[in-house]
C-alpha atoms as a PDB file:
ATOM      1  CA  MET A   1     127.196 114.877 212.042  1.00  0.00           C
ATOM      2  CA  THR A   2     124.781 117.524 210.332  1.00  0.00           C
ATOM      3  CA  ASN A   3     123.771 114.748 207.660  1.00  0.00           C
ATOM      4  CA  SER A   4     123.161 112.279 209.817  1.00  0.00           C
ATOM      5  CA  GLN A   5     119.682 110.465 209.583  1.00  0.00           C
ATOM      6  CA  ALA A   6     117.172 108.200 211.170  1.00  0.00           C
ATOM      7  CA  TRP A   7     115.688 105.830 208.703  1.00  0.00           C
ATOM      8  CA  HIS A   8     114.010 103.874 210.928  1.00  0.00           C
ATOM      9  CA  GLY A   9     111.337 106.691 211.282  1.00  0.00           C
ATOM     10  CA  ASP A  10     111.230 105.893 215.174  1.00  0.00           C
ATOM     11  CA  VAL A  11     110.898 108.884 217.017  1.00  0.00           C
ATOM     12  CA  SER A  12     108.156 110.254 214.617  1.00  0.00           C
ATOM     13  CA  SER A  13     105.939 106.897 215.425  1.00  0.00           C
ATOM     14  CA  LEU A  14     106.800 107.543 218.711  1.00  0.00           C
ATOM     15  CA  LEU A  15     105.633 111.036 219.530  1.00  0.00           C
ATOM     16  CA  ASN A  16     102.590 111.287 217.741  1.00  0.00           C
ATOM     17  CA  ASN A  17     101.186 107.555 218.043  1.00  0.00           C
ATOM     18  CA  ILE A  18     102.593 105.319 221.452  1.00  0.00           C
ATOM     19  CA  TYR A  19     100.217 106.910 223.718  1.00  0.00           C
ATOM     20  CA  ARG A  20      97.390 105.315 222.086  1.00  0.00           C
ATOM     21  CA  CYS A  21      98.684 101.941 222.597  1.00  0.00           C
ATOM     22  CA  ALA A  22      96.270  99.951 225.008  1.00  0.00           C
ATOM     23  CA  ASP A  23      98.705  98.254 227.204  1.00  0.00           C
ATOM     24  CA  LYS A  24     101.464 100.116 228.202  1.00  0.00           C
ATOM     25  CA  SER A  25     102.539  98.079 231.084  1.00  0.00           C
ATOM     26  CA  SER A  26     103.515  94.893 228.106  1.00  0.00           C
ATOM     27  CA  TRP A  27     104.636  97.219 225.485  1.00  0.00           C
ATOM     28  CA  TYR A  28     108.709  96.947 226.454  1.00  0.00           C
ATOM     29  CA  GLY A  29     108.113  93.855 227.905  1.00  0.00           C
ATOM     30  CA  SER A  30     109.957  91.615 225.965  1.00  0.00           C
ATOM     31  CA  VAL A  31     112.919  93.740 224.702  1.00  0.00           C
ATOM     32  CA  ILE A  32     113.757  95.077 228.446  1.00  0.00           C
ATOM     33  CA  ASP A  33     116.983  93.679 229.446  1.00  0.00           C
ATOM     34  CA  ALA A  34     118.425  94.797 225.699  1.00  0.00           C
ATOM     35  CA  TYR A  35     116.954  98.309 226.129  1.00  0.00           C
ATOM     36  CA  ASP A  36     118.984  98.957 229.417  1.00  0.00           C
ATOM     37  CA  ARG A  37     122.012  97.030 227.696  1.00  0.00           C
ATOM     38  CA  THR A  38     121.634  99.425 224.486  1.00  0.00           C
ATOM     39  CA  ARG A  39     119.538 102.403 224.883  1.00  0.00           C
ATOM     40  CA  PRO A  40     121.360 105.624 225.189  1.00  0.00           C
ATOM     41  CA  ARG A  41     122.484 107.562 228.201  1.00  0.00           C
ATOM     42  CA  TYR A  42     122.164 111.101 228.974  1.00  0.00           C
ATOM     43  CA  PRO A  43     125.000 113.284 228.950  1.00  0.00           C
ATOM     44  CA  ALA A  44     126.583 114.477 232.417  1.00  0.00           C
ATOM     45  CA  ILE A  45     126.958 117.901 231.385  1.00  0.00           C
ATOM     46  CA  LEU A  46     123.022 117.896 229.816  1.00  0.00           C
ATOM     47  CA  LEU A  47     122.347 116.505 233.255  1.00  0.00           C
ATOM     48  CA  ASP A  48     124.162 119.205 235.069  1.00  0.00           C
ATOM     49  CA  LYS A  49     122.908 121.750 233.558  1.00  0.00           C
ATOM     50  CA  MET A  50     119.193 120.248 234.196  1.00  0.00           C
ATOM     51  CA  GLN A  51     120.068 120.211 237.605  1.00  0.00           C
ATOM     52  CA  ASN A  52     121.146 123.959 237.984  1.00  0.00           C
ATOM     53  CA  ILE A  53     117.986 125.050 236.097  1.00  0.00           C
ATOM     54  CA  ALA A  54     115.697 122.675 238.173  1.00  0.00           C
ATOM     55  CA  GLN A  55     117.509 123.719 240.987  1.00  0.00           C
ATOM     56  CA  LEU A  56     117.490 120.029 242.089  1.00  0.00           C
ATOM     57  CA  LYS A  57     119.687 120.193 245.233  1.00  0.00           C
ATOM     58  CA  PRO A  58     119.937 117.177 247.440  1.00  0.00           C
ATOM     59  CA  GLY A  59     116.957 116.334 249.360  1.00  0.00           C
ATOM     60  CA  LYS A  60     114.326 117.620 246.555  1.00  0.00           C
ATOM     61  CA  GLU A  61     111.411 115.714 245.953  1.00  0.00           C
ATOM     62  CA  VAL A  62     111.109 114.240 242.410  1.00  0.00           C
ATOM     63  CA  LEU A  63     108.691 112.478 240.896  1.00  0.00           C
ATOM     64  CA  GLU A  64     109.988 110.729 237.553  1.00  0.00           C
ATOM     65  CA  ILE A  65     107.318 109.111 234.812  1.00  0.00           C
ATOM     66  CA  GLY A  66     108.317 106.249 233.235  1.00  0.00           C
ATOM     67  CA  SER A  67     111.581 105.419 234.477  1.00  0.00           C
ATOM     68  CA  GLY A  68     111.899 102.073 232.430  1.00  0.00           C
ATOM     69  CA  PRO A  69     114.743 100.335 233.645  1.00  0.00           C
ATOM     70  CA  GLY A  70     116.389 103.074 235.685  1.00  0.00           C
ATOM     71  CA  ILE A  71     118.359 104.368 232.723  1.00  0.00           C
ATOM     72  CA  ALA A  72     118.241 107.828 234.167  1.00  0.00           C
ATOM     73  CA  THR A  73     117.135 107.162 237.971  1.00  0.00           C
ATOM     74  CA  ILE A  74     119.971 106.056 238.812  1.00  0.00           C
ATOM     75  CA  GLU A  75     121.675 109.050 237.820  1.00  0.00           C
ATOM     76  CA  LEU A  76     119.259 111.064 239.305  1.00  0.00           C
ATOM     77  CA  ALA A  77     119.234 109.080 242.953  1.00  0.00           C
ATOM     78  CA  LYS A  78     123.123 109.988 242.749  1.00  0.00           C
ATOM     79  CA  LEU A  79     122.285 113.255 242.876  1.00  0.00           C
ATOM     80  CA  GLY A  80     120.900 112.897 246.406  1.00  0.00           C
ATOM     81  CA  LEU A  81     117.284 113.240 245.177  1.00  0.00           C
ATOM     82  CA  ASN A  82     114.491 111.693 246.966  1.00  0.00           C
ATOM     83  CA  ILE A  83     112.517 110.031 244.133  1.00  0.00           C
ATOM     84  CA  VAL A  84     108.851 108.531 243.283  1.00  0.00           C
ATOM     85  CA  ALA A  85     109.289 106.777 240.134  1.00  0.00           C
ATOM     86  CA  VAL A  86     106.498 105.881 238.284  1.00  0.00           C
ATOM     87  CA  GLU A  87     106.862 103.017 235.740  1.00  0.00           C
ATOM     88  CA  PRO A  88     103.942 100.790 234.074  1.00  0.00           C
ATOM     89  CA  ASN A  89     106.072  97.975 233.352  1.00  0.00           C
ATOM     90  CA  LEU A  90     106.870  95.719 236.038  1.00  0.00           C
ATOM     91  CA  SER A  91     110.135  94.073 234.322  1.00  0.00           C
ATOM     92  CA  ALA A  92     111.031  97.338 234.166  1.00  0.00           C
ATOM     93  CA  CYS A  93     110.284  98.299 237.377  1.00  0.00           C
ATOM     94  CA  GLN A  94     112.230  95.567 239.215  1.00  0.00           C
ATOM     95  CA  LEU A  95     115.104  96.067 237.578  1.00  0.00           C
ATOM     96  CA  ALA A  96     115.429  99.822 237.948  1.00  0.00           C
ATOM     97  CA  LYS A  97     114.768  98.780 241.451  1.00  0.00           C
ATOM     98  CA  GLN A  98     117.603  96.651 241.610  1.00  0.00           C
ATOM     99  CA  LYS A  99     119.371  99.031 240.409  1.00  0.00           C
ATOM    100  CA  CYS A 100     118.593 101.594 242.906  1.00  0.00           C
ATOM    101  CA  ILE A 101     118.998  99.130 245.517  1.00  0.00           C
ATOM    102  CA  ASP A 102     121.734 101.027 247.467  1.00  0.00           C
ATOM    103  CA  TYR A 103     119.626 104.293 247.297  1.00  0.00           C
ATOM    104  CA  PRO A 104     117.114 103.821 249.631  1.00  0.00           C
ATOM    105  CA  GLN A 105     115.307 107.366 249.155  1.00  0.00           C
ATOM    106  CA  VAL A 106     113.965 106.188 245.907  1.00  0.00           C
ATOM    107  CA  LYS A 107     110.344 104.514 246.110  1.00  0.00           C
ATOM    108  CA  PHE A 108     109.110 102.696 242.534  1.00  0.00           C
ATOM    109  CA  VAL A 109     105.601 102.258 241.864  1.00  0.00           C
ATOM    110  CA  ASN A 110     104.318  99.881 238.963  1.00  0.00           C
ATOM    111  CA  SER A 111     101.771 102.161 237.393  1.00  0.00           C
ATOM    112  CA  THR A 112     100.807 104.290 234.234  1.00  0.00           C
ATOM    113  CA  PHE A 113     100.861 108.096 234.952  1.00  0.00           C
ATOM    114  CA  GLU A 114      97.294 108.500 234.045  1.00  0.00           C
ATOM    115  CA  GLU A 115      96.519 105.428 236.833  1.00  0.00           C
ATOM    116  CA  TRP A 116      98.903 106.656 239.486  1.00  0.00           C
ATOM    117  CA  GLY A 117      96.914 108.561 242.224  1.00  0.00           C
ATOM    118  CA  LEU A 118      97.875 111.954 243.516  1.00  0.00           C
ATOM    119  CA  GLU A 119      99.268 112.218 246.767  1.00  0.00           C
ATOM    120  CA  GLU A 120      99.078 114.631 249.412  1.00  0.00           C
ATOM    121  CA  GLN A 121     102.427 115.370 248.661  1.00  0.00           C
ATOM    122  CA  LYS A 122     103.607 117.974 246.146  1.00  0.00           C
ATOM    123  CA  PHE A 123     106.993 117.360 244.439  1.00  0.00           C
ATOM    124  CA  ASP A 124     109.991 119.920 243.695  1.00  0.00           C
ATOM    125  CA  ALA A 125     110.185 118.299 239.857  1.00  0.00           C
ATOM    126  CA  ILE A 126     108.342 116.118 237.337  1.00  0.00           C
ATOM    127  CA  ILE A 127     110.832 114.493 235.445  1.00  0.00           C
ATOM    128  CA  ALA A 128     110.184 112.873 232.165  1.00  0.00           C
ATOM    129  CA  THR A 129     112.771 110.633 230.594  1.00  0.00           C
ATOM    130  CA  THR A 130     112.411 110.235 227.322  1.00  0.00           C
ATOM    131  CA  SER A 131     108.520 109.065 228.088  1.00  0.00           C
ATOM    132  CA  PHE A 132     106.413 112.455 227.688  1.00  0.00           C
ATOM    133  CA  HIS A 133     105.212 111.219 224.441  1.00  0.00           C
ATOM    134  CA  TRP A 134     103.520 108.021 226.354  1.00  0.00           C
ATOM    135  CA  VAL A 135     100.799 110.008 228.647  1.00  0.00           C
ATOM    136  CA  THR A 136      97.256 110.787 227.457  1.00  0.00           C
ATOM    137  CA  PRO A 137      97.886 114.368 225.972  1.00  0.00           C
ATOM    138  CA  GLU A 138      94.579 114.989 227.941  1.00  0.00           C
ATOM    139  CA  VAL A 139      96.198 114.301 230.980  1.00  0.00           C
ATOM    140  CA  ARG A 140      99.898 115.332 231.213  1.00  0.00           C
ATOM    141  CA  MET A 141      99.611 118.864 231.290  1.00  0.00           C
ATOM    142  CA  LYS A 142      96.849 119.426 233.852  1.00  0.00           C
ATOM    143  CA  LYS A 143      97.906 116.313 236.354  1.00  0.00           C
ATOM    144  CA  THR A 144     101.767 117.091 236.125  1.00  0.00           C
ATOM    145  CA  ALA A 145     100.889 121.061 236.969  1.00  0.00           C
ATOM    146  CA  SER A 146      98.761 119.103 239.942  1.00  0.00           C
ATOM    147  CA  ALA A 147     101.155 117.094 241.648  1.00  0.00           C
ATOM    148  CA  LEU A 148     103.869 119.825 241.674  1.00  0.00           C
ATOM    149  CA  LYS A 149     104.806 122.429 244.370  1.00  0.00           C
ATOM    150  CA  ASP A 150     103.978 126.109 243.243  1.00  0.00           C
ATOM    151  CA  ASP A 151     107.687 126.537 242.457  1.00  0.00           C
ATOM    152  CA  GLY A 152     108.186 123.346 241.016  1.00  0.00           C
ATOM    153  CA  TYR A 153     109.518 122.380 237.532  1.00  0.00           C
ATOM    154  CA  LEU A 154     108.417 120.368 234.702  1.00  0.00           C
ATOM    155  CA  VAL A 155     111.614 118.569 233.371  1.00  0.00           C
ATOM    156  CA  LEU A 156     111.464 116.612 230.007  1.00  0.00           C
ATOM    157  CA  LEU A 157     114.543 114.456 229.134  1.00  0.00           C
ATOM    158  CA  TRP A 158     115.260 113.038 225.506  1.00  0.00           C
ATOM    159  CA  ASN A 159     117.252 110.968 223.645  1.00  0.00           C
ATOM    160  CA  THR A 160     117.013 109.881 220.644  1.00  0.00           C
ATOM    161  CA  PRO A 161     117.845 106.352 218.728  1.00  0.00           C
ATOM    162  CA  PRO A 162     121.216 106.418 218.058  1.00  0.00           C
ATOM    163  CA  GLN A 163     121.593 106.207 214.564  1.00  0.00           C
ATOM    164  CA  PRO A 164     124.179 105.715 211.593  1.00  0.00           C
ATOM    165  CA  SER A 165     125.955 107.919 209.421  1.00  0.00           C
ATOM    166  CA  TYR A 166     124.178 109.313 206.192  1.00  0.00           C
ATOM    167  CA  GLU A 167     126.273 107.171 203.679  1.00  0.00           C
ATOM    168  CA  VAL A 168     125.939 103.942 206.262  1.00  0.00           C
ATOM    169  CA  ALA A 169     122.054 104.404 206.341  1.00  0.00           C
ATOM    170  CA  GLN A 170     122.118 105.118 202.258  1.00  0.00           C
ATOM    171  CA  GLU A 171     123.590 101.591 201.835  1.00  0.00           C
ATOM    172  CA  LEU A 172     120.891  99.640 204.326  1.00  0.00           C
ATOM    173  CA  THR A 173     117.942 101.402 202.615  1.00  0.00           C
ATOM    174  CA  PRO A 174     117.497  98.865 199.834  1.00  0.00           C
ATOM    175  CA  ILE A 175     117.268  96.323 202.803  1.00  0.00           C
ATOM    176  CA  TYR A 176     114.353  97.891 204.569  1.00  0.00           C
ATOM    177  CA  GLN A 177     112.928  98.312 201.586  1.00  0.00           C
ATOM    178  CA  THR A 178     112.791  94.999 200.788  1.00  0.00           C
ATOM    179  CA  HIS A 179     111.695  93.921 203.764  1.00  0.00           C
ATOM    180  CA  ALA A 180     110.169  96.641 205.817  1.00  0.00           C
ATOM    181  CA  PRO A 181     109.308  99.344 203.213  1.00  0.00           C
ATOM    182  CA  GLU A 182     106.977 101.245 205.830  1.00  0.00           C
ATOM    183  CA  LEU A 183     111.089 101.851 208.015  1.00  0.00           C
ATOM    184  CA  ALA A 184     112.646 103.090 204.648  1.00  0.00           C
ATOM    185  CA  PRO A 185     111.451 107.094 204.913  1.00  0.00           C
ATOM    186  CA  GLN A 186     114.520 109.123 206.361  1.00  0.00           C
ATOM    187  CA  GLU A 187     114.306 111.841 208.882  1.00  0.00           C
ATOM    188  CA  ASP A 188     117.046 114.284 209.679  1.00  0.00           C
ATOM    189  CA  LEU A 189     118.529 115.798 213.080  1.00  0.00           C
ATOM    190  CA  GLN A 190     116.471 118.586 212.191  1.00  0.00           C
ATOM    191  CA  ASN A 191     112.764 116.513 212.037  1.00  0.00           C
ATOM    192  CA  HIS A 192     113.893 114.948 215.462  1.00  0.00           C
ATOM    193  CA  GLN A 193     114.037 118.515 216.690  1.00  0.00           C
ATOM    194  CA  LYS A 194     110.890 119.481 215.081  1.00  0.00           C
ATOM    195  CA  ASN A 195     109.356 116.514 216.872  1.00  0.00           C
ATOM    196  CA  ILE A 196     110.334 117.103 220.163  1.00  0.00           C
ATOM    197  CA  GLY A 197     109.874 120.840 220.066  1.00  0.00           C
ATOM    198  CA  LYS A 198     105.728 120.208 219.893  1.00  0.00           C
ATOM    199  CA  PHE A 199     106.211 119.052 223.260  1.00  0.00           C
ATOM    200  CA  GLY A 200     107.805 122.411 223.997  1.00  0.00           C
ATOM    201  CA  ARG A 201     105.121 124.319 222.303  1.00  0.00           C
ATOM    202  CA  GLU A 202     102.067 122.266 224.052  1.00  0.00           C
ATOM    203  CA  ILE A 203     103.788 122.852 227.875  1.00  0.00           C
ATOM    204  CA  ILE A 204     103.705 126.829 227.027  1.00  0.00           C
ATOM    205  CA  ASP A 205     100.522 126.945 225.170  1.00  0.00           C
ATOM    206  CA  SER A 206      98.597 125.163 227.868  1.00  0.00           C
ATOM    207  CA  GLY A 207      99.122 127.881 230.394  1.00  0.00           C
ATOM    208  CA  TYR A 208      99.970 125.709 232.890  1.00  0.00           C
ATOM    209  CA  TYR A 209     103.911 126.380 232.398  1.00  0.00           C
ATOM    210  CA  GLN A 210     106.314 129.449 231.792  1.00  0.00           C
ATOM    211  CA  ASP A 211     109.360 130.609 231.123  1.00  0.00           C
ATOM    212  CA  LEU A 212     110.601 127.409 229.078  1.00  0.00           C
ATOM    213  CA  VAL A 213     114.686 126.644 228.693  1.00  0.00           C
ATOM    214  CA  ARG A 214     115.899 124.344 226.077  1.00  0.00           C
ATOM    215  CA  GLU A 215     119.161 122.829 225.492  1.00  0.00           C
ATOM    216  CA  GLN A 216     120.404 119.818 223.049  1.00  0.00           C
ATOM    217  CA  ILE A 217     123.861 117.886 222.327  1.00  0.00           C
ATOM    218  CA  ILE A 218     124.521 115.842 219.506  1.00  0.00           C
ATOM    219  CA  CYS A 219     126.212 113.086 220.902  1.00  0.00           C
ATOM    220  CA  GLN A 220     128.646 110.488 219.285  1.00  0.00           C
ATOM    221  CA  VAL A 221     128.911 106.573 220.666  1.00  0.00           C
ATOM    222  CA  SER A 222     130.500 103.452 219.018  1.00  0.00           C
ATOM    223  CA  TYR A 223     128.145 100.287 219.005  1.00  0.00           C
ATOM    224  CA  THR A 224     129.334  96.878 217.922  1.00  0.00           C
ATOM    225  CA  VAL A 225     127.312  95.631 214.911  1.00  0.00           C
ATOM    226  CA  ASP A 226     125.375  93.303 217.537  1.00  0.00           C
ATOM    227  CA  GLU A 227     124.747  95.722 219.833  1.00  0.00           C
ATOM    228  CA  TYR A 228     123.548  97.835 217.122  1.00  0.00           C
ATOM    229  CA  LEU A 229     121.190  95.537 215.801  1.00  0.00           C
ATOM    230  CA  THR A 230     120.184  94.345 219.358  1.00  0.00           C
ATOM    231  CA  LEU A 231     119.399  98.305 219.765  1.00  0.00           C
ATOM    232  CA  LEU A 232     116.950  98.211 217.078  1.00  0.00           C
ATOM    233  CA  THR A 233     115.283  95.114 218.395  1.00  0.00           C
ATOM    234  CA  THR A 234     114.004  97.814 220.864  1.00  0.00           C
ATOM    235  CA  LEU A 235     112.588 100.577 218.978  1.00  0.00           C
ATOM    236  CA  SER A 236     108.619 100.855 218.483  1.00  0.00           C
ATOM    237  CA  SER A 237     109.218  99.995 215.085  1.00  0.00           C
ATOM    238  CA  PHE A 238     111.046  96.753 215.072  1.00  0.00           C
ATOM    239  CA  ILE A 239     108.438  95.695 217.561  1.00  0.00           C
ATOM    240  CA  ARG A 240     105.408  95.971 215.476  1.00  0.00           C
ATOM    241  CA  LEU A 241     107.079  94.158 212.803  1.00  0.00           C
ATOM    242  CA  GLU A 242     105.713  90.771 212.039  1.00  0.00           C
ATOM    243  CA  SER A 243     108.696  88.125 213.701  1.00  0.00           C
ATOM    244  CA  SER A 244     110.169  86.768 210.071  1.00  0.00           C
ATOM    245  CA  SER A 245     110.140  89.958 208.739  1.00  0.00           C
ATOM    246  CA  ARG A 246     112.149  91.428 211.434  1.00  0.00           C
ATOM    247  CA  ASN A 247     114.594  88.353 212.124  1.00  0.00           C
ATOM    248  CA  THR A 248     114.842  88.299 207.964  1.00  0.00           C
ATOM    249  CA  LEU A 249     115.951  92.296 208.672  1.00  0.00           C
ATOM    250  CA  LEU A 250     118.191  92.005 211.156  1.00  0.00           C
ATOM    251  CA  ALA A 251     120.544  89.175 209.050  1.00  0.00           C
ATOM    252  CA  GLU A 252     120.688  90.923 206.073  1.00  0.00           C
ATOM    253  CA  LEU A 253     121.987  94.227 207.917  1.00  0.00           C
ATOM    254  CA  LYS A 254     124.301  92.121 210.143  1.00  0.00           C
ATOM    255  CA  GLN A 255     125.326  90.830 206.810  1.00  0.00           C
ATOM    256  CA  VAL A 256     126.081  94.246 205.022  1.00  0.00           C
ATOM    257  CA  LEU A 257     127.368  96.164 208.348  1.00  0.00           C
ATOM    258  CA  GLY A 258     129.588  92.874 209.017  1.00  0.00           C
ATOM    259  CA  SER A 259     131.012  92.883 205.419  1.00  0.00           C
ATOM    260  CA  SER A 260     131.377  96.742 204.967  1.00  0.00           C
ATOM    261  CA  TYR A 261     132.031  97.941 208.395  1.00  0.00           C
ATOM    262  CA  GLY A 262     133.551  95.491 210.208  1.00  0.00           C
ATOM    263  CA  ASP A 263     132.283  94.933 214.162  1.00  0.00           C
ATOM    264  CA  ARG A 264     132.233  98.775 215.119  1.00  0.00           C
ATOM    265  CA  LEU A 265     129.349 101.654 213.897  1.00  0.00           C
ATOM    266  CA  GLU A 266     129.627 105.116 214.834  1.00  0.00           C
ATOM    267  CA  LEU A 267     126.334 106.326 215.752  1.00  0.00           C
ATOM    268  CA  PHE A 268     124.729 109.688 216.634  1.00  0.00           C
ATOM    269  CA  TYR A 269     121.804 110.572 218.355  1.00  0.00           C
ATOM    270  CA  LEU A 270     120.495 113.970 219.883  1.00  0.00           C
ATOM    271  CA  SER A 271     119.853 114.400 223.502  1.00  0.00           C
ATOM    272  CA  MET A 272     118.100 117.394 224.967  1.00  0.00           C
ATOM    273  CA  PHE A 273     115.948 119.100 227.619  1.00  0.00           C
ATOM    274  CA  GLN A 274     112.749 121.157 227.966  1.00  0.00           C
ATOM    275  CA  ILE A 275     112.294 122.807 231.317  1.00  0.00           C
ATOM    276  CA  ALA A 276     109.568 125.089 232.274  1.00  0.00           C
ATOM    277  CA  SER A 277     108.429 126.239 235.593  1.00  0.00           C
ATOM    278  CA  LYS A 278     104.987 126.015 236.853  1.00  0.00           C
ATOM    279  CA  SER A 279     103.134 128.880 236.366  1.00  0.00           C
ATOM    280  CA  LEU A 280     101.139 130.787 239.116  1.00  0.00           C
ATOM    281  CA  TYR A 281      98.451 132.632 236.818  1.00  0.00           C
END
């Protein structure tokens, strides 16, 4: 697993550039169902540790930034938390709302975090679920701190895109070089850690937060080839591709994967959190 590599380069582009997207409300709109079906879940052991560190007891008030289709929202709702989930994409917001229909303490707001108006209500925790990179850098630290109670916590949850083993990636690389060479550079798990680690430094350097705690797990999951190809269509790097190039790329990937590995692939992803308490200084 230490040799696993992300040859599609999605995380770097996400973390560095995606907050510049002009219309965040539509970015994942065309693939939201696929996103919900194939994006990885947050491990229970990681959520348990997050709950303990951030003191998220039932009844606590939580603001979620970028709920997407509710992959994490439903798990947070099961903890008995009172949640305001802010999500810019209407389709994702509606899907998440349906998923949480049995949890009336969950409220959804169809808005970007930047446009969401600070309320008189202060929150015990703000949780961003693989979404903090979407928030404009000039806004994210000050506004989150303003929305927290004095003893509140900022929690960043992250899942990197599941990726095949190094050996599988090497076999697929020539296909990428032919049809989407911009996706060919490989990125190992250490680079994923480095990219996400930048947010931890930003949290502390901002002066709004202190006592950063980090935890990470390398997870293994089994996908069918079709599930894996569907997952790829939800990545920003694939969404940006011209449709004919994307379709040709996916077709050739399917052919090679099917002939070499049958119907199932073992994939690996990094799941982690960064938690900091609000600074009172």
